[in-house]
Amino acid sequence: MSNFVHQYQRELDRCRQQFESLDLRKQKGYLFKFTTFSASVQNILPEIPIEKHEELFQKLLLQQVYTTFDQQFLTANDLIQTKGPVQELITSPRPNIYCTFHLGSYRLMATYLYRNGLDVTLMVSSGTYQQQGKDIWTTIKGLQKKHKLTNSFQMLDAEQPSSTLQVIRALQAGTSLVIFIDGVTSTTGVNRQEDKEVQVRFGAQNVWARKGVGFLSHLTQTPIIPVIGYREKNMNNVLSFLDPIIPEAGCDRESYCRRSLQQIYDLFWHYLTKYPEQWEGWNYIHKFLDQHELEQHADSHKLQRHRLTKRVAFNHERYSICDLEEAPILFDRRLYLTYEISSDLRDFLLQIGTIETPEEALGTDLYLDLLSKQIIS
């Protein structure tokens, strides 16, 4: 096994060297993706200084390279370190709902269980099903051939109406479910179905979470096993299997969904604060935030109009300017809104702190509009 460990470490080092040879700032879309990432960290985990955001973002990009490699390197499944009652879970005749997040080398979660003999149903978003489905099946077939596996594996699109019934049947037949609780974004925001989602506390914000995990657990009386994956400093992948969440007798389904989801997110928060650079969800967690709450929070920070004699400056804490190829973009870091602006206005905003009478230079209407939106302060 030590030879495989050394080979694995060498391959990861090769991935890192190739990654570090890239000029990330010249990569298409880098600036806008980083700005969205930074806004989410600021809104949810404000304890991390903004000055450290770009370093975290680049570490996340490298982690994504490692994650892709781990899926292709079949032996990575054999090198995983586990914590918790893994053997008891694997040898149990009853199925479980394994609930996880896009933290660490998250793609190893389902393949590890399958590699160890469990019948597995993997639920993924439509985007993952379409974009990564072929690669996932390549890994499964590789494991089948390498280890002569005969247990079953199926992958379902969580956004298909028939998927819930298929999962219920699978659980009743003894097949365990693997689901990424932070992965389905197409049913959030304007497409949200509030009868299927519930708000949970997540750091400094509330997020909308789908009730599906709790619903399936309660309906089929199947335990939820929270599993958190992360990569240690020595590059070892760890899967931490936490205590099961079990439907209590007499607990109604709605209450159980709320309680179980909050418990899962609280458990995840403990790991996220330790490994913030390993969570892919920073790139899309804004889709789970409540726009109305964001607007209320922004309104509570309304600034009073400054007097003409007071020096104002561009509000870097709330806004970022992204120079895209088409035009400069003003990005609202609180509301995740974008405004196309002229090059002249961009230059003016960046220099406004040096201008003695900005209201006179801008015109009163524009000056007040910028103040009201907290673009200048």
Protein backbone atom coordinates (compact mmCIF):
# COMPACT_ATOMS: atom_id res chain seq x y z
CA MET A 1 0.00 0.00 0.00
CA SER A 2 2.92 2.35 0.71
CA ASN A 3 3.85 2.31 -2.99
CA PHE A 4 0.34 3.45 -3.86
CA VAL A 5 0.56 6.20 -1.23
CA HIS A 6 3.82 7.49 -2.69
CA GLN A 7 2.43 7.32 -6.22
CA TYR A 8 -0.70 9.18 -5.10
CA GLN A 9 1.34 11.89 -3.39
CA ARG A 10 3.51 12.30 -6.50
CA GLU A 11 0.46 12.65 -8.73
CA LEU A 12 -1.08 15.26 -6.43
CA ASP A 13 2.22 17.14 -6.45
CA ARG A 14 2.20 17.05 -10.24
CA CYS A 15 -1.36 18.44 -10.25
CA ARG A 16 -0.27 21.23 -7.91
CA GLN A 17 2.74 22.16 -10.06
CA GLN A 18 0.61 22.35 -13.20
CA PHE A 19 -1.95 24.46 -11.35
CA GLU A 20 0.67 26.85 -10.01
CA SER A 21 2.06 27.36 -13.51
CA LEU A 22 -1.22 29.02 -14.55
CA ASP A 23 -1.80 32.76 -14.44
CA LEU A 24 -5.22 32.51 -12.82
CA ARG A 25 -6.06 36.17 -13.20
CA LYS A 26 -5.89 35.76 -16.98
CA GLN A 27 -8.30 32.82 -16.96
CA LYS A 28 -11.70 33.66 -18.46
CA GLY A 29 -14.29 34.44 -15.82
CA TYR A 30 -11.80 34.35 -12.95
CA LEU A 31 -12.54 37.83 -11.61
CA PHE A 32 -16.30 37.48 -11.58
CA LYS A 33 -16.17 33.99 -10.03
CA PHE A 34 -13.79 35.22 -7.35
CA THR A 35 -16.01 38.22 -6.61
CA THR A 36 -19.05 35.97 -6.11
CA PHE A 37 -16.99 33.65 -3.91
CA SER A 38 -15.70 36.56 -1.85
CA ALA A 39 -19.18 38.00 -1.38
CA SER A 40 -20.49 34.69 -0.04
CA VAL A 41 -17.63 34.27 2.40
CA GLN A 42 -18.17 37.84 3.57
CA ASN A 43 -21.92 37.33 4.04
CA ILE A 44 -21.80 33.91 5.71
CA LEU A 45 -18.41 33.74 7.43
CA PRO A 46 -17.54 37.43 8.03
CA GLU A 47 -14.83 36.46 10.54
CA ILE A 48 -12.50 35.80 7.61
CA PRO A 49 -10.89 39.09 6.52
CA ILE A 50 -11.56 40.14 2.94
CA GLU A 51 -7.79 40.34 2.39
CA LYS A 52 -7.60 36.55 2.72
CA HIS A 53 -10.42 35.75 0.30
CA GLU A 54 -8.36 35.46 -2.87
CA GLU A 55 -5.91 33.07 -1.25
CA LEU A 56 -8.85 30.92 -0.13
CA PHE A 57 -10.38 31.05 -3.60
CA GLN A 58 -7.19 29.86 -5.27
CA LYS A 59 -6.88 27.05 -2.73
CA LEU A 60 -10.44 26.04 -3.61
CA LEU A 61 -9.57 25.96 -7.32
CA LEU A 62 -6.63 23.68 -6.54
CA GLN A 63 -8.89 21.49 -4.38
CA GLN A 64 -11.21 21.08 -7.38
CA VAL A 65 -8.25 19.85 -9.42
CA TYR A 66 -7.48 17.29 -6.72
CA THR A 67 -11.13 16.23 -6.58
CA THR A 68 -11.22 15.55 -10.32
CA PHE A 69 -8.00 13.57 -10.09
CA ASP A 70 -9.27 11.49 -7.16
CA GLN A 71 -12.28 10.38 -9.18
CA GLN A 72 -10.00 9.12 -11.97
CA PHE A 73 -7.41 7.50 -9.66
CA LEU A 74 -9.28 4.37 -8.55
CA THR A 75 -6.82 3.55 -5.79
CA ALA A 76 -7.80 6.80 -4.04
CA ASN A 77 -10.80 4.89 -2.66
CA ASP A 78 -8.44 2.49 -0.90
CA LEU A 79 -6.41 5.31 0.65
CA ILE A 80 -9.32 7.05 2.36
CA GLN A 81 -9.13 7.36 6.11
CA THR A 82 -12.44 7.05 7.93
CA LYS A 83 -13.77 8.14 11.30
CA GLY A 84 -16.87 6.89 13.07
CA PRO A 85 -18.72 3.54 13.02
CA VAL A 86 -17.88 2.73 9.39
CA GLN A 87 -17.67 -1.05 9.63
CA GLU A 88 -20.92 -1.24 11.56
CA LEU A 89 -22.67 0.81 8.88
CA ILE A 90 -21.18 -1.13 5.97
CA THR A 91 -22.05 -4.54 7.40
CA SER A 92 -25.55 -3.54 8.49
CA PRO A 93 -28.35 -5.27 6.53
CA ARG A 94 -30.50 -2.16 6.65
CA PRO A 95 -30.02 0.81 4.31
CA ASN A 96 -29.11 4.35 5.36
CA ILE A 97 -29.41 7.81 3.86
CA TYR A 98 -25.86 9.13 3.63
CA CYS A 99 -26.05 12.91 3.54
CA THR A 100 -22.98 14.93 2.62
CA PHE A 101 -21.71 18.25 1.23
CA HIS A 102 -19.36 19.39 -1.54
CA LEU A 103 -16.45 19.64 0.87
CA GLY A 104 -13.03 18.11 0.30
CA SER A 105 -12.81 15.35 -2.30
CA TYR A 106 -16.57 14.87 -2.17
CA ARG A 107 -16.80 12.60 -5.23
CA LEU A 108 -15.20 9.80 -3.22
CA MET A 109 -18.20 9.49 -0.92
CA ALA A 110 -20.45 7.35 -3.11
CA THR A 111 -17.64 5.33 -4.67
CA TYR A 112 -16.17 4.51 -1.25
CA LEU A 113 -19.48 2.99 -0.11
CA TYR A 114 -19.87 1.14 -3.39
CA ARG A 115 -16.27 -0.08 -3.27
CA ASN A 116 -17.05 -1.57 0.15
CA GLY A 117 -19.99 -3.63 -1.04
CA LEU A 118 -23.05 -1.47 -0.46
CA ASP A 119 -25.88 -1.21 -2.93
CA VAL A 120 -25.93 2.52 -3.69
CA THR A 121 -28.34 4.99 -5.23
CA LEU A 122 -26.67 8.34 -5.90
CA MET A 123 -28.92 11.39 -6.29
CA VAL A 124 -27.41 14.33 -8.16
CA SER A 125 -28.57 17.58 -9.68
CA SER A 126 -29.56 17.76 -13.35
CA GLY A 127 -26.36 19.65 -14.12
CA THR A 128 -24.19 16.99 -12.50
CA TYR A 129 -26.18 14.21 -14.13
CA GLN A 130 -25.63 15.72 -17.58
CA GLN A 131 -22.07 17.01 -17.19
CA GLN A 132 -20.46 14.40 -14.92
CA GLY A 133 -22.67 11.35 -15.36
CA LYS A 134 -20.39 9.72 -17.92
CA ASP A 135 -17.29 10.19 -15.72
CA ILE A 136 -19.10 8.78 -12.68
CA TRP A 137 -20.09 5.66 -14.60
CA THR A 138 -16.53 5.27 -15.89
CA THR A 139 -15.32 5.23 -12.28
CA ILE A 140 -17.99 2.72 -11.24
CA LYS A 141 -17.16 0.37 -14.09
CA GLY A 142 -13.47 0.71 -13.25
CA LEU A 143 -14.16 -0.29 -9.65
CA GLN A 144 -16.34 -3.19 -10.77
CA LYS A 145 -13.56 -4.53 -12.96
CA LYS A 146 -10.75 -3.94 -10.49
CA HIS A 147 -12.49 -5.42 -7.44
CA LYS A 148 -14.99 -7.79 -9.15
CA LEU A 149 -17.91 -6.01 -7.54
CA THR A 150 -21.43 -7.38 -8.02
CA ASN A 151 -23.40 -4.97 -5.80
CA SER A 152 -25.73 -2.50 -7.50
CA PHE A 153 -25.26 1.17 -8.34
CA GLN A 154 -27.71 3.60 -9.86
CA MET A 155 -27.63 7.34 -10.40
CA LEU A 156 -30.78 9.46 -10.38
CA ASP A 157 -31.51 13.02 -11.44
CA ALA A 158 -32.92 14.59 -8.27
CA GLU A 159 -34.87 17.14 -10.30
CA GLN A 160 -36.92 14.56 -12.18
CA PRO A 161 -40.44 14.12 -10.70
CA SER A 162 -40.10 10.32 -10.72
CA SER A 163 -36.88 10.32 -8.66
CA THR A 164 -38.63 10.45 -5.27
CA LEU A 165 -40.66 7.32 -5.97
CA GLN A 166 -37.57 5.55 -7.31
CA VAL A 167 -35.62 6.39 -4.16
CA ILE A 168 -38.43 5.21 -1.88
CA ARG A 169 -38.51 1.89 -3.69
CA ALA A 170 -34.72 1.60 -3.52
CA LEU A 171 -34.65 2.26 0.24
CA GLN A 172 -37.44 -0.24 0.82
CA ALA A 173 -35.44 -2.79 -1.19
CA GLY A 174 -32.37 -2.29 1.02
CA THR A 175 -30.37 0.09 -1.16
CA SER A 176 -28.64 2.99 0.58
CA LEU A 177 -28.99 6.55 -0.68
CA VAL A 178 -26.18 9.09 -1.12
CA ILE A 179 -27.28 12.69 -1.49
CA PHE A 180 -25.49 16.04 -1.54
CA ILE A 181 -27.65 18.34 0.55
CA ASP A 182 -26.03 21.50 -0.88
CA GLY A 183 -26.17 20.50 -4.53
CA VAL A 184 -29.57 21.21 -6.13
CA THR A 185 -29.60 24.90 -7.06
CA SER A 186 -32.07 25.00 -9.94
CA THR A 187 -35.06 24.76 -7.59
CA THR A 188 -34.03 27.73 -5.47
CA GLY A 189 -34.43 31.47 -5.93
CA VAL A 190 -37.31 32.42 -8.22
CA ASN A 191 -38.07 28.71 -8.79
CA ARG A 192 -38.36 27.94 -5.09
CA GLN A 193 -41.22 25.73 -3.93
CA GLU A 194 -41.55 26.72 -0.30
CA ASP A 195 -43.69 23.70 0.53
CA LYS A 196 -40.61 21.61 -0.31
CA GLU A 197 -38.00 23.77 1.43
CA VAL A 198 -37.29 25.10 4.89
CA GLN A 199 -34.99 27.81 6.18
CA VAL A 200 -32.07 26.82 8.39
CA ARG A 201 -29.46 28.93 10.13
CA PHE A 202 -26.09 28.84 8.41
CA GLY A 203 -23.41 31.09 9.80
CA ALA A 204 -24.46 34.73 9.56
CA GLN A 205 -27.36 33.96 7.21
CA ASN A 206 -30.44 31.80 6.78
CA VAL A 207 -30.44 29.45 3.78
CA TRP A 208 -33.21 27.53 2.08
CA ALA A 209 -32.73 23.76 2.26
CA ARG A 210 -34.80 21.11 0.55
CA LYS A 211 -36.85 18.90 2.84
CA GLY A 212 -36.20 15.80 0.72
CA VAL A 213 -33.68 14.17 3.05
CA GLY A 214 -35.91 14.51 6.11
CA PHE A 215 -39.03 13.56 4.14
CA LEU A 216 -37.47 10.32 2.84
CA SER A 217 -36.03 9.47 6.25
CA HIS A 218 -39.35 9.98 8.02
CA LEU A 219 -41.46 8.24 5.39
CA THR A 220 -39.28 5.12 5.17
CA GLN A 221 -38.01 5.22 8.78
CA THR A 222 -34.44 5.22 7.46
CA PRO A 223 -31.64 6.79 9.53
CA ILE A 224 -29.76 9.78 8.14
CA ILE A 225 -25.99 9.41 8.40
CA PRO A 226 -24.23 12.78 8.04
CA VAL A 227 -20.83 12.25 6.39
CA ILE A 228 -18.27 15.03 6.05
CA GLY A 229 -15.30 14.64 3.74
CA TYR A 230 -12.20 16.80 3.97
CA ARG A 231 -8.52 16.76 3.07
CA GLU A 232 -5.94 17.02 5.83
CA LYS A 233 -2.73 19.02 5.59
CA ASN A 234 -0.81 15.83 4.77
CA MET A 235 -3.17 15.45 1.75
CA ASN A 236 -5.00 12.42 3.19
CA ASN A 237 -8.69 12.26 2.37
CA VAL A 238 -10.93 11.69 5.38
CA LEU A 239 -14.58 10.66 5.53
CA SER A 240 -16.09 11.36 8.94
CA PHE A 241 -19.24 9.31 9.59
CA LEU A 242 -21.25 11.08 12.29
CA ASP A 243 -23.98 9.88 14.63
CA PRO A 244 -27.21 8.84 12.90
CA ILE A 245 -30.27 11.06 12.92
CA ILE A 246 -33.28 8.83 13.52
CA PRO A 247 -36.99 9.71 13.26
CA GLU A 248 -38.44 9.72 16.76
CA ALA A 249 -41.72 8.04 17.53
CA GLY A 250 -44.55 10.54 17.45
CA CYS A 251 -42.55 13.29 15.74
CA ASP A 252 -44.50 14.78 12.86
CA ARG A 253 -42.83 14.90 9.47
CA GLU A 254 -42.62 18.68 9.19
CA SER A 255 -40.94 19.07 12.58
CA TYR A 256 -38.54 16.24 11.84
CA CYS A 257 -37.55 17.79 8.49
CA ARG A 258 -36.76 21.11 10.18
CA ARG A 259 -34.89 19.56 13.09
CA SER A 260 -32.85 17.10 11.03
CA LEU A 261 -31.83 19.69 8.44
CA GLN A 262 -30.74 22.19 11.07
CA GLN A 263 -28.77 19.46 12.82
CA ILE A 264 -27.03 18.48 9.57
CA TYR A 265 -26.08 22.08 8.76
CA ASP A 266 -24.84 22.64 12.32
CA LEU A 267 -22.59 19.58 12.03
CA PHE A 268 -21.30 20.77 8.68
CA TRP A 269 -20.59 24.25 10.04
CA HIS A 270 -18.09 22.77 12.51
CA TYR A 271 -16.03 21.38 9.61
CA LEU A 272 -16.55 24.31 7.26
CA THR A 273 -14.96 26.74 9.70
CA LYS A 274 -11.91 24.46 9.80
CA TYR A 275 -11.66 23.90 6.04
CA PRO A 276 -13.35 26.89 4.35
CA GLU A 277 -11.02 26.65 1.34
CA GLN A 278 -12.34 23.15 0.53
CA TRP A 279 -16.05 23.92 0.08
CA GLU A 280 -17.22 24.21 -3.49
CA GLY A 281 -20.55 25.57 -2.30
CA TRP A 282 -19.16 29.08 -1.83
CA ASN A 283 -19.57 29.44 -5.60
CA TYR A 284 -23.34 28.97 -5.52
CA ILE A 285 -24.59 29.29 -1.93
CA HIS A 286 -26.06 32.68 -2.84
CA LYS A 287 -28.75 30.79 -4.76
CA PHE A 288 -29.98 29.39 -1.43
CA LEU A 289 -30.14 32.76 0.32
CA ASP A 290 -33.43 34.59 0.74
CA GLN A 291 -33.44 37.72 -1.43
CA HIS A 292 -36.00 39.46 0.78
CA GLU A 293 -33.84 38.93 3.87
CA LEU A 294 -30.77 40.18 2.02
CA GLU A 295 -32.63 43.34 1.05
CA GLN A 296 -33.84 43.87 4.63
CA HIS A 297 -30.31 43.44 5.91
CA ALA A 298 -29.04 45.93 3.34
CA ASP A 299 -31.77 48.43 4.26
CA SER A 300 -30.81 48.21 7.92
CA HIS A 301 -27.37 49.52 6.96
CA LYS A 302 -28.63 52.50 5.00
CA LEU A 303 -26.21 55.33 5.34
CA GLN A 304 -27.28 58.89 5.92
CA ARG A 305 -26.50 61.42 3.25
CA HIS A 306 -23.10 63.01 3.75
CA ARG A 307 -22.70 66.73 3.75
CA LEU A 308 -20.99 68.33 0.80
CA THR A 309 -17.98 69.15 2.92
CA LYS A 310 -17.44 65.53 3.99
CA ARG A 311 -15.09 63.40 1.88
CA VAL A 312 -16.73 60.28 0.45
CA ALA A 313 -15.21 57.14 -1.03
CA PHE A 314 -16.18 54.09 -3.04
CA ASN A 315 -17.76 51.47 -0.76
CA HIS A 316 -15.35 48.56 -1.27
CA GLU A 317 -16.97 46.59 1.54
CA ARG A 318 -20.28 46.31 -0.30
CA TYR A 319 -19.33 46.67 -3.96
CA SER A 320 -16.69 45.37 -6.33
CA ILE A 321 -15.82 46.58 -9.82
CA CYS A 322 -15.13 43.85 -12.37
CA ASP A 323 -13.53 44.85 -15.67
CA LEU A 324 -15.13 42.34 -18.02
CA GLU A 325 -14.44 42.24 -21.75
CA GLU A 326 -17.85 43.66 -22.63
CA ALA A 327 -18.00 46.49 -20.09
CA PRO A 328 -17.16 47.33 -16.46
CA ILE A 329 -19.54 45.68 -14.01
CA LEU A 330 -20.50 46.96 -10.58
CA PHE A 331 -21.18 43.95 -8.33
CA ASP A 332 -23.34 44.30 -5.21
CA ARG A 333 -21.72 41.95 -2.71
CA ARG A 334 -24.77 41.92 -0.42
CA LEU A 335 -27.55 41.38 -2.94
CA TYR A 336 -25.54 39.59 -5.67
CA LEU A 337 -26.77 42.07 -8.28
CA THR A 338 -24.72 43.40 -11.19
CA TYR A 339 -24.88 46.80 -12.89
CA GLU A 340 -23.18 47.60 -16.17
CA ILE A 341 -21.45 50.97 -15.82
CA SER A 342 -19.45 53.22 -18.13
CA SER A 343 -15.68 53.38 -18.03
CA ASP A 344 -15.96 57.01 -16.97
CA LEU A 345 -18.13 56.15 -13.96
CA ARG A 346 -15.77 53.30 -13.02
CA ASP A 347 -12.80 55.67 -13.05
CA PHE A 348 -14.74 58.27 -11.11
CA LEU A 349 -15.75 55.79 -8.39
CA LEU A 350 -12.19 54.62 -7.93
CA GLN A 351 -10.95 58.22 -7.64
CA ILE A 352 -13.87 59.78 -5.78
CA GLY A 353 -11.98 59.93 -2.50
CA THR A 354 -9.63 62.49 -4.01
CA ILE A 355 -12.38 64.77 -5.37
CA GLU A 356 -13.31 67.79 -3.27
CA THR A 357 -16.90 68.27 -4.50
CA PRO A 358 -18.16 64.93 -5.90
CA GLU A 359 -21.83 65.97 -5.80
CA GLU A 360 -21.08 68.94 -8.02
CA ALA A 361 -18.98 66.80 -10.39
CA LEU A 362 -21.56 63.99 -10.63
CA GLY A 363 -24.74 65.99 -10.47
CA THR A 364 -27.08 65.85 -7.49
CA ASP A 365 -29.40 63.12 -8.85
CA LEU A 366 -26.62 60.64 -9.62
CA TYR A 367 -24.77 61.52 -6.42
CA LEU A 368 -27.85 60.82 -4.29
CA ASP A 369 -28.56 57.60 -6.19
CA LEU A 370 -25.05 56.35 -5.50
CA LEU A 371 -25.44 57.27 -1.83
CA SER A 372 -28.85 55.59 -1.52
CA LYS A 373 -27.46 52.33 -2.97
CA GLN A 374 -24.42 52.66 -0.68
CA ILE A 375 -22.10 52.60 -3.70
CA ILE A 376 -20.35 55.56 -2.13
CA SER A 377 -20.25 56.32 1.56
